[in-house]
Amino acid sequence: MDIDIRELHRDLVSLHERPDPAHTTDGVRQLLGTILSQSVADAQTARATHALFEAYPDYRAMETAPHEELADIIEVAGLKNQKAARIQRALTAIRKETGGEYTLMFLANQSTEAAQSWLTDIKGVGPKTASVVLNFHFEKPTFAVDTHVERLAKRFGLLDSTASNKRAHTELNELVPDDLKYSLHVLMITHGREYCTAQSPNCANSVCQTYCSCPACDSLDTS
């Protein structure tokens, strides 16, 4: 089935309502929070982010903190050593790029591709993390592909089932119109959490019945 992206977006809006705009005010905080969110649930991300910003008075203190201390503070987010290293590498890269400031505003006037390239040059910052920062903070036209988005894209036939995450980013960024990138990203995450879950999906909804080809949807009696 060939999927019309605008029709899918329309149907997701009908089911979940249009998401509110989400322009964050601190791009560095957005970056660090997104690093903490890698491979972990939202509740743990929120707790780790709160603990991180409670523990240190500023970004310089985070960058120069002993690695083990920082890792213990964010432990609830999982992969504490890797994420602590990524946070400190990111802060160091930002400080060196800006000549001593902790701001990402130098990315504002760069092209989406150049800004994405700068962020992903930081070890541990992949295309999803970069896309979230650029879309949510700078409103640049990037489409972040997390586990929910990738799962739905494959079940809905937007991606081949064998597509890698890297290929998913490339293909979906080409497929999704710029004006829908933020909204569709949020809507697909919402749908993936509420209905089209990884295990035991609830397919009794209009979007899944129209677009989804997962085994649970295929087994529904639509007669």
Protein backbone atom coordinates (compact mmCIF):
# COMPACT_ATOMS: atom_id res chain seq x y z
CA MET A 1 0.00 0.00 0.00
CA ASP A 2 1.35 3.42 -0.95
CA ILE A 3 0.98 5.73 2.05
CA ASP A 4 0.05 9.36 1.60
CA ILE A 5 2.02 11.09 4.36
CA ARG A 6 -0.41 14.00 4.61
CA GLU A 7 -3.35 11.63 4.94
CA LEU A 8 -1.53 9.67 7.66
CA HIS A 9 -0.79 12.92 9.46
CA ARG A 10 -4.42 14.01 9.16
CA ASP A 11 -5.65 10.70 10.57
CA LEU A 12 -3.19 10.81 13.47
CA VAL A 13 -4.33 14.37 14.27
CA SER A 14 -7.95 13.18 14.22
CA LEU A 15 -7.12 10.47 16.74
CA HIS A 16 -4.64 12.28 19.00
CA GLU A 17 -5.15 16.03 18.26
CA ARG A 18 -2.49 18.30 16.84
CA PRO A 19 0.60 18.54 19.10
CA ASP A 20 1.49 21.83 20.71
CA PRO A 21 4.58 23.63 19.41
CA ALA A 22 7.67 22.83 21.47
CA HIS A 23 10.40 25.41 20.99
CA THR A 24 12.86 24.91 23.84
CA THR A 25 14.74 27.90 25.23
CA ASP A 26 18.08 26.23 26.06
CA GLY A 27 19.62 24.19 23.27
CA VAL A 28 22.42 22.82 25.45
CA ARG A 29 19.93 21.53 28.00
CA GLN A 30 17.92 20.00 25.15
CA LEU A 31 21.07 18.24 23.89
CA LEU A 32 22.03 16.88 27.30
CA GLY A 33 18.49 15.74 28.03
CA THR A 34 18.30 13.97 24.69
CA ILE A 35 21.60 12.21 25.39
CA LEU A 36 20.14 11.05 28.69
CA SER A 37 17.01 9.81 26.89
CA GLN A 38 18.93 7.38 24.70
CA SER A 39 17.60 3.82 25.19
CA VAL A 40 15.56 4.65 28.29
CA ALA A 41 11.96 5.52 29.21
CA ASP A 42 10.74 9.08 29.66
CA ALA A 43 10.32 8.78 33.44
CA GLN A 44 13.94 7.82 33.95
CA THR A 45 15.07 10.56 31.56
CA ALA A 46 13.16 13.16 33.55
CA ARG A 47 14.62 11.95 36.85
CA ALA A 48 18.17 11.88 35.50
CA THR A 49 17.84 15.34 33.92
CA HIS A 50 16.48 16.78 37.17
CA ALA A 51 19.30 15.17 39.16
CA LEU A 52 21.94 16.47 36.74
CA PHE A 53 20.80 20.08 36.87
CA GLU A 54 20.25 19.95 40.64
CA ALA A 55 23.78 18.67 41.22
CA TYR A 56 25.72 21.29 39.25
CA PRO A 57 25.37 25.09 39.26
CA ASP A 58 26.39 25.51 35.61
CA TYR A 59 27.66 23.76 32.49
CA ARG A 60 31.30 24.37 33.36
CA ALA A 61 30.83 22.42 36.58
CA MET A 62 29.26 19.56 34.63
CA GLU A 63 32.09 19.52 32.11
CA THR A 64 34.83 19.47 34.73
CA ALA A 65 33.15 17.15 37.25
CA PRO A 66 34.88 13.85 38.01
CA HIS A 67 33.58 11.30 35.55
CA GLU A 68 32.57 8.79 38.24
CA GLU A 69 30.67 11.44 40.18
CA LEU A 70 28.72 12.56 37.12
CA ALA A 71 27.99 8.95 36.13
CA ASP A 72 26.56 8.19 39.56
CA ILE A 73 24.31 11.26 39.46
CA ILE A 74 22.70 10.19 36.16
CA GLU A 75 22.67 6.47 36.95
CA VAL A 76 18.88 6.21 36.74
CA ALA A 77 19.11 6.86 32.98
CA GLY A 78 21.16 3.70 32.41
CA LEU A 79 24.46 3.40 30.54
CA LYS A 80 25.77 5.87 33.07
CA ASN A 81 29.44 5.76 32.07
CA GLN A 82 28.75 6.14 28.35
CA LYS A 83 26.25 8.94 28.88
CA ALA A 84 28.50 10.81 31.32
CA ALA A 85 31.29 10.70 28.75
CA ARG A 86 28.94 11.89 25.99
CA ILE A 87 27.69 14.79 28.12
CA GLN A 88 31.21 15.95 28.91
CA ARG A 89 32.40 15.54 25.33
CA ALA A 90 29.43 17.58 24.11
CA LEU A 91 30.08 20.37 26.60
CA THR A 92 33.76 20.46 25.70
CA ALA A 93 32.96 20.64 21.98
CA ILE A 94 30.49 23.48 22.53
CA ARG A 95 32.91 25.47 24.71
CA LYS A 96 35.74 25.11 22.21
CA GLU A 97 33.51 26.04 19.28
CA THR A 98 32.20 29.19 20.96
CA GLY A 99 35.42 30.30 22.62
CA GLY A 100 34.20 29.65 26.14
CA GLU A 101 30.39 29.86 26.09
CA TYR A 102 27.89 27.07 26.53
CA THR A 103 25.40 27.86 23.79
CA LEU A 104 24.33 26.28 20.53
CA MET A 105 23.20 29.54 18.96
CA PHE A 106 26.05 29.33 16.44
CA LEU A 107 24.03 26.57 14.78
CA ALA A 108 21.01 28.82 14.24
CA ASN A 109 22.16 30.30 10.94
CA GLN A 110 23.77 27.14 9.62
CA SER A 111 22.01 24.93 7.12
CA THR A 112 20.23 21.92 8.56
CA GLU A 113 22.82 19.63 7.01
CA ALA A 114 25.77 21.59 8.42
CA ALA A 115 24.24 21.81 11.89
CA GLN A 116 23.43 18.09 11.84
CA SER A 117 27.00 17.33 10.78
CA TRP A 118 28.49 19.44 13.59
CA LEU A 119 26.40 17.70 16.24
CA THR A 120 26.97 14.18 14.96
CA ASP A 121 30.72 14.79 14.89
CA ILE A 122 30.50 14.57 18.70
CA LYS A 123 31.10 10.92 19.60
CA GLY A 124 27.88 9.48 21.01
CA VAL A 125 25.56 12.02 19.35
CA GLY A 126 23.73 10.19 16.60
CA PRO A 127 21.25 11.39 13.99
CA LYS A 128 18.24 10.99 16.31
CA THR A 129 19.75 13.10 19.07
CA ALA A 130 20.90 15.76 16.60
CA SER A 131 17.51 15.83 14.86
CA VAL A 132 15.62 16.28 18.14
CA VAL A 133 17.80 19.26 19.10
CA LEU A 134 17.59 20.90 15.69
CA ASN A 135 13.83 20.36 15.35
CA PHE A 136 12.70 21.11 18.89
CA HIS A 137 15.08 23.98 19.65
CA PHE A 138 15.79 25.58 16.28
CA GLU A 139 12.67 24.42 14.42
CA LYS A 140 14.87 23.19 11.61
CA PRO A 141 13.24 20.65 9.25
CA THR A 142 14.63 17.39 10.63
CA PHE A 143 12.71 14.19 11.34
CA ALA A 144 14.02 12.30 14.36
CA VAL A 145 13.57 8.53 14.25
CA ASP A 146 13.34 6.94 17.68
CA THR A 147 12.22 3.37 18.43
CA HIS A 148 8.52 4.27 18.28
CA VAL A 149 8.81 6.12 14.97
CA GLU A 150 10.92 3.37 13.41
CA ARG A 151 8.51 0.66 14.56
CA LEU A 152 5.46 2.46 13.19
CA ALA A 153 7.19 3.38 9.94
CA LYS A 154 7.93 -0.29 9.29
CA ARG A 155 4.48 -1.50 10.33
CA PHE A 156 2.81 1.19 8.22
CA GLY A 157 4.93 0.40 5.17
CA LEU A 158 6.87 3.66 5.11
CA LEU A 159 10.10 1.70 5.51
CA ASP A 160 11.26 -1.75 4.54
CA SER A 161 11.28 -4.04 7.56
CA THR A 162 15.03 -4.59 7.19
CA ALA A 163 15.97 -0.89 7.12
CA SER A 164 18.69 0.14 9.57
CA ASN A 165 18.17 3.13 11.86
CA LYS A 166 20.62 5.16 9.76
CA ARG A 167 18.73 4.29 6.58
CA ALA A 168 15.45 5.07 8.35
CA HIS A 169 16.65 8.60 9.11
CA THR A 170 17.72 9.15 5.52
CA GLU A 171 14.57 7.79 3.90
CA LEU A 172 12.04 9.33 6.29
CA ASN A 173 13.69 12.76 6.14
CA GLU A 174 13.31 12.61 2.37
CA LEU A 175 9.75 11.28 2.56
CA VAL A 176 8.19 13.54 5.21
CA PRO A 177 7.47 17.13 4.06
CA ASP A 178 9.31 19.79 6.04
CA ASP A 179 6.12 21.36 7.40
CA LEU A 180 5.05 18.03 8.92
CA LYS A 181 8.36 16.88 10.38
CA TYR A 182 7.81 18.08 13.97
CA SER A 183 4.11 17.28 14.16
CA LEU A 184 4.34 13.82 12.58
CA HIS A 185 7.30 12.91 14.79
CA VAL A 186 5.34 13.74 17.95
CA LEU A 187 2.16 12.07 16.70
CA MET A 188 3.94 8.83 15.78
CA ILE A 189 5.57 8.69 19.20
CA THR A 190 2.21 9.27 20.86
CA HIS A 191 0.58 6.56 18.77
CA GLY A 192 3.45 4.17 19.43
CA ARG A 193 3.12 4.65 23.17
CA GLU A 194 -0.67 4.51 23.37
CA TYR A 195 -1.65 1.98 20.71
CA CYS A 196 1.01 0.56 18.41
CA THR A 197 3.31 -0.67 21.17
CA ALA A 198 6.18 -3.08 20.66
CA GLN A 199 4.46 -5.81 22.67
CA SER A 200 0.70 -6.51 22.77
CA PRO A 201 -0.39 -3.58 20.58
CA ASN A 202 -3.96 -2.31 20.79
CA CYS A 203 -5.02 -2.29 17.16
CA ALA A 204 -8.63 -1.30 17.78
CA ASN A 205 -8.22 2.23 16.49
CA SER A 206 -8.80 3.92 13.17
CA VAL A 207 -5.13 4.57 12.36
CA CYS A 208 -3.92 1.03 12.93
CA GLN A 209 -6.90 -0.39 11.06
CA THR A 210 -6.08 1.82 8.05
CA TYR A 211 -2.30 1.64 7.93
CA CYS A 212 -0.83 -1.08 10.14
CA SER A 213 0.25 -4.53 8.98
CA CYS A 214 1.55 -5.94 12.26
CA PRO A 215 0.39 -9.49 13.14
CA ALA A 216 -2.03 -8.18 15.77
CA CYS A 217 -3.75 -5.92 13.23
CA ASP A 218 -3.81 -8.66 10.62
CA SER A 219 -5.56 -10.97 13.08
CA LEU A 220 -8.41 -8.54 13.79
CA ASP A 221 -11.80 -9.66 12.52
CA THR A 222 -13.00 -6.74 10.42
CA SER A 223 -16.02 -8.51 9.00
